[in-house]
N, C-alpha and C. Protein backbone atom coordinates (compact mmCIF):
# COMPACT_ATOMS: atom_id res chain seq x y z
N MET A 1 -25.43 18.89 16.94
CA MET A 1 -26.45 18.15 16.33
C MET A 1 -26.44 18.46 14.78
N ASN A 2 -26.02 19.71 14.33
CA ASN A 2 -25.90 20.17 13.09
C ASN A 2 -24.85 19.40 12.31
N ASP A 3 -23.69 18.98 12.88
CA ASP A 3 -22.57 18.43 12.44
C ASP A 3 -23.07 16.79 12.09
N PHE A 4 -23.89 16.23 13.01
CA PHE A 4 -24.26 15.00 13.00
C PHE A 4 -25.24 14.71 11.67
N LEU A 5 -26.09 15.81 11.63
CA LEU A 5 -27.09 15.66 10.46
C LEU A 5 -26.44 15.89 9.13
N THR A 6 -25.45 16.77 9.08
CA THR A 6 -24.71 17.02 7.88
C THR A 6 -23.83 15.74 7.46
N ALA A 7 -23.26 15.14 8.39
CA ALA A 7 -22.46 13.91 8.26
C ALA A 7 -23.45 12.77 7.64
N LEU A 8 -24.63 12.85 8.25
CA LEU A 8 -25.65 11.87 7.84
C LEU A 8 -26.08 11.94 6.50
N ALA A 9 -26.31 13.23 5.92
CA ALA A 9 -26.78 13.52 4.64
C ALA A 9 -25.48 13.28 3.81
N LEU A 10 -24.18 13.54 4.18
CA LEU A 10 -23.22 13.26 3.33
C LEU A 10 -22.88 11.95 2.88
N ALA A 11 -23.12 10.90 4.10
CA ALA A 11 -23.23 9.47 3.88
C ALA A 11 -24.28 9.16 2.78
N LEU A 12 -25.50 9.62 3.02
CA LEU A 12 -26.52 9.37 2.02
C LEU A 12 -26.21 9.74 0.54
N VAL A 13 -25.45 10.92 0.58
CA VAL A 13 -24.94 11.29 -0.87
C VAL A 13 -24.07 10.30 -1.40
N PHE A 14 -23.09 9.74 -0.63
CA PHE A 14 -22.04 8.94 -1.10
C PHE A 14 -22.66 7.41 -1.46
N GLU A 15 -23.58 7.09 -0.60
CA GLU A 15 -24.30 5.88 -0.86
C GLU A 15 -25.14 5.83 -2.21
N GLY A 16 -25.73 7.01 -2.28
CA GLY A 16 -26.70 7.18 -3.48
C GLY A 16 -25.57 7.25 -4.77
N LEU A 17 -24.59 7.80 -4.65
CA LEU A 17 -23.70 7.77 -5.81
C LEU A 17 -23.16 6.53 -6.28
N ALA A 18 -22.85 5.91 -5.40
CA ALA A 18 -22.36 4.37 -5.40
C ALA A 18 -23.44 3.67 -6.11
N TYR A 19 -24.55 3.49 -5.65
CA TYR A 19 -25.71 2.82 -6.26
C TYR A 19 -25.95 3.24 -7.62
N ALA A 20 -25.94 4.64 -7.91
CA ALA A 20 -26.30 5.25 -9.21
C ALA A 20 -25.36 4.75 -10.20
N ALA A 21 -23.91 4.83 -9.76
CA ALA A 21 -22.92 4.55 -10.74
C ALA A 21 -22.60 3.16 -10.90
N PHE A 22 -22.84 2.28 -9.99
CA PHE A 22 -22.39 0.88 -10.10
C PHE A 22 -23.49 -0.03 -9.55
N PRO A 23 -24.73 0.00 -10.14
CA PRO A 23 -25.75 -0.83 -9.63
C PRO A 23 -25.53 -2.37 -9.48
N ASP A 24 -24.87 -2.75 -10.52
CA ASP A 24 -24.63 -4.28 -10.38
C ASP A 24 -23.57 -4.55 -9.69
N GLY A 25 -22.60 -3.69 -9.35
CA GLY A 25 -21.37 -4.11 -8.47
C GLY A 25 -21.85 -3.83 -7.06
N MET A 26 -22.82 -2.89 -6.82
CA MET A 26 -23.37 -2.91 -5.48
C MET A 26 -24.25 -4.17 -5.16
N LYS A 27 -24.89 -4.79 -6.11
CA LYS A 27 -25.65 -5.91 -5.79
C LYS A 27 -24.75 -7.13 -5.52
N GLN A 28 -23.67 -7.05 -6.08
CA GLN A 28 -22.58 -8.18 -6.02
C GLN A 28 -21.82 -8.12 -4.70
N MET A 29 -21.61 -6.81 -4.38
CA MET A 29 -21.21 -6.31 -2.89
C MET A 29 -22.11 -6.94 -1.79
N MET A 30 -23.29 -6.57 -2.12
CA MET A 30 -24.24 -7.10 -1.08
C MET A 30 -24.42 -8.71 -0.90
N LEU A 31 -24.40 -9.31 -1.89
CA LEU A 31 -24.28 -10.79 -1.88
C LEU A 31 -23.05 -11.25 -1.21
N ARG A 32 -21.80 -10.61 -1.41
CA ARG A 32 -20.62 -10.92 -0.73
C ARG A 32 -20.78 -10.59 0.83
N VAL A 33 -21.54 -9.51 1.27
CA VAL A 33 -21.73 -9.17 2.45
C VAL A 33 -22.51 -10.20 3.35
N LEU A 34 -23.71 -10.74 2.58
CA LEU A 34 -24.56 -11.70 3.26
C LEU A 34 -23.87 -12.99 3.44
N ALA A 35 -22.80 -13.28 2.48
CA ALA A 35 -21.98 -14.45 2.76
C ALA A 35 -20.77 -14.39 3.77
N THR A 36 -20.60 -13.08 4.27
CA THR A 36 -19.55 -12.99 5.12
C THR A 36 -20.13 -13.41 6.62
N PRO A 37 -19.38 -14.06 7.29
CA PRO A 37 -19.70 -14.43 8.62
C PRO A 37 -19.87 -13.14 9.63
N PRO A 38 -20.89 -13.17 10.55
CA PRO A 38 -21.20 -12.07 11.25
C PRO A 38 -20.02 -11.45 12.33
N ALA A 39 -19.35 -12.35 12.64
CA ALA A 39 -17.92 -12.08 13.48
C ALA A 39 -17.02 -11.19 12.73
N THR A 40 -16.77 -11.48 11.46
CA THR A 40 -15.86 -10.87 10.47
C THR A 40 -16.63 -9.51 10.43
N LEU A 41 -17.76 -9.44 10.01
CA LEU A 41 -18.62 -7.96 9.70
C LEU A 41 -18.35 -7.18 11.11
N ARG A 42 -18.42 -7.70 12.33
CA ARG A 42 -18.43 -7.10 13.34
C ARG A 42 -17.06 -6.42 13.56
N VAL A 43 -16.10 -7.13 13.24
CA VAL A 43 -14.65 -6.67 13.56
C VAL A 43 -14.52 -5.36 12.59
N PHE A 44 -14.88 -5.71 11.44
CA PHE A 44 -14.59 -4.58 10.42
C PHE A 44 -15.47 -3.29 10.74
N ASP A 45 -16.46 -3.57 11.20
CA ASP A 45 -17.50 -2.48 11.31
C ASP A 45 -16.97 -1.57 12.66
N ILE A 46 -16.51 -2.35 13.74
CA ILE A 46 -15.77 -1.68 14.79
C ILE A 46 -14.73 -0.89 14.37
N ALA A 47 -13.97 -1.51 13.65
CA ALA A 47 -12.54 -0.88 13.07
C ALA A 47 -13.10 0.38 12.44
N ALA A 48 -13.93 0.20 11.44
CA ALA A 48 -14.44 1.47 10.67
C ALA A 48 -14.97 2.53 11.61
N ALA A 49 -15.91 2.13 12.68
CA ALA A 49 -16.21 3.34 13.35
C ALA A 49 -15.19 3.89 14.40
N VAL A 50 -14.18 3.07 14.60
CA VAL A 50 -13.00 3.61 15.40
C VAL A 50 -12.24 4.46 14.56
N LEU A 51 -11.95 4.02 13.32
CA LEU A 51 -11.28 4.97 12.43
C LEU A 51 -12.01 6.19 12.11
N GLY A 52 -13.25 6.09 12.02
CA GLY A 52 -13.93 7.31 11.75
C GLY A 52 -13.91 8.36 12.89
N VAL A 53 -14.11 7.87 13.98
CA VAL A 53 -13.96 8.83 15.13
C VAL A 53 -12.81 9.44 15.35
N ALA A 54 -11.59 8.54 15.05
CA ALA A 54 -10.15 9.10 15.13
C ALA A 54 -9.97 10.26 14.05
N VAL A 55 -10.53 10.07 12.79
CA VAL A 55 -10.23 10.99 11.70
C VAL A 55 -11.19 12.31 12.28
N VAL A 56 -12.39 12.25 12.67
CA VAL A 56 -13.15 13.37 13.16
C VAL A 56 -12.56 14.08 14.19
N ALA A 57 -11.80 13.50 15.28
CA ALA A 57 -11.26 13.92 16.41
C ALA A 57 -9.91 14.79 15.90
N ALA A 58 -9.16 14.08 14.79
CA ALA A 58 -8.04 14.64 14.41
C ALA A 58 -8.22 15.95 13.65
N LEU A 59 -9.41 15.83 12.80
CA LEU A 59 -9.84 17.00 12.18
C LEU A 59 -10.10 18.23 13.07
N ARG A 60 -10.94 17.95 14.08
CA ARG A 60 -11.41 18.92 14.96
C ARG A 60 -10.18 19.49 15.70
N PHE A 61 -9.29 18.74 16.03
CA PHE A 61 -8.10 19.22 16.97
C PHE A 61 -7.26 20.15 15.91
N ALA A 62 -7.15 19.63 14.54
CA ALA A 62 -6.36 20.46 13.79
C ALA A 62 -6.88 21.79 13.37
N TYR A 63 -8.37 21.71 13.20
CA TYR A 63 -8.85 23.04 12.64
C TYR A 63 -9.43 23.91 13.69
N PHE A 64 -9.88 23.38 14.94
CA PHE A 64 -10.49 23.93 16.01
C PHE A 64 -9.72 23.64 17.34
N PRO A 65 -8.50 24.01 17.56
CA PRO A 65 -7.73 23.63 18.64
C PRO A 65 -8.44 24.40 19.75
N ALA A 66 -8.20 23.67 20.98
CA ALA A 66 -8.77 24.13 22.26
C ALA A 66 -8.16 25.25 22.89
């Protein structure tokens, strides 16, 4: 649970930094996201989730072998 909360906090840090550094760019990106079809968003979101799980698993096995 501690790892999950740490990851969630880190995601908030990165998102906050993006909005602080590029507020106009983030607004434009949100407009593009709203214009993107839901099916396209779903495919990219699933791919991002799978990639994230793969990276976490690879790091776990590399630094904490069973």
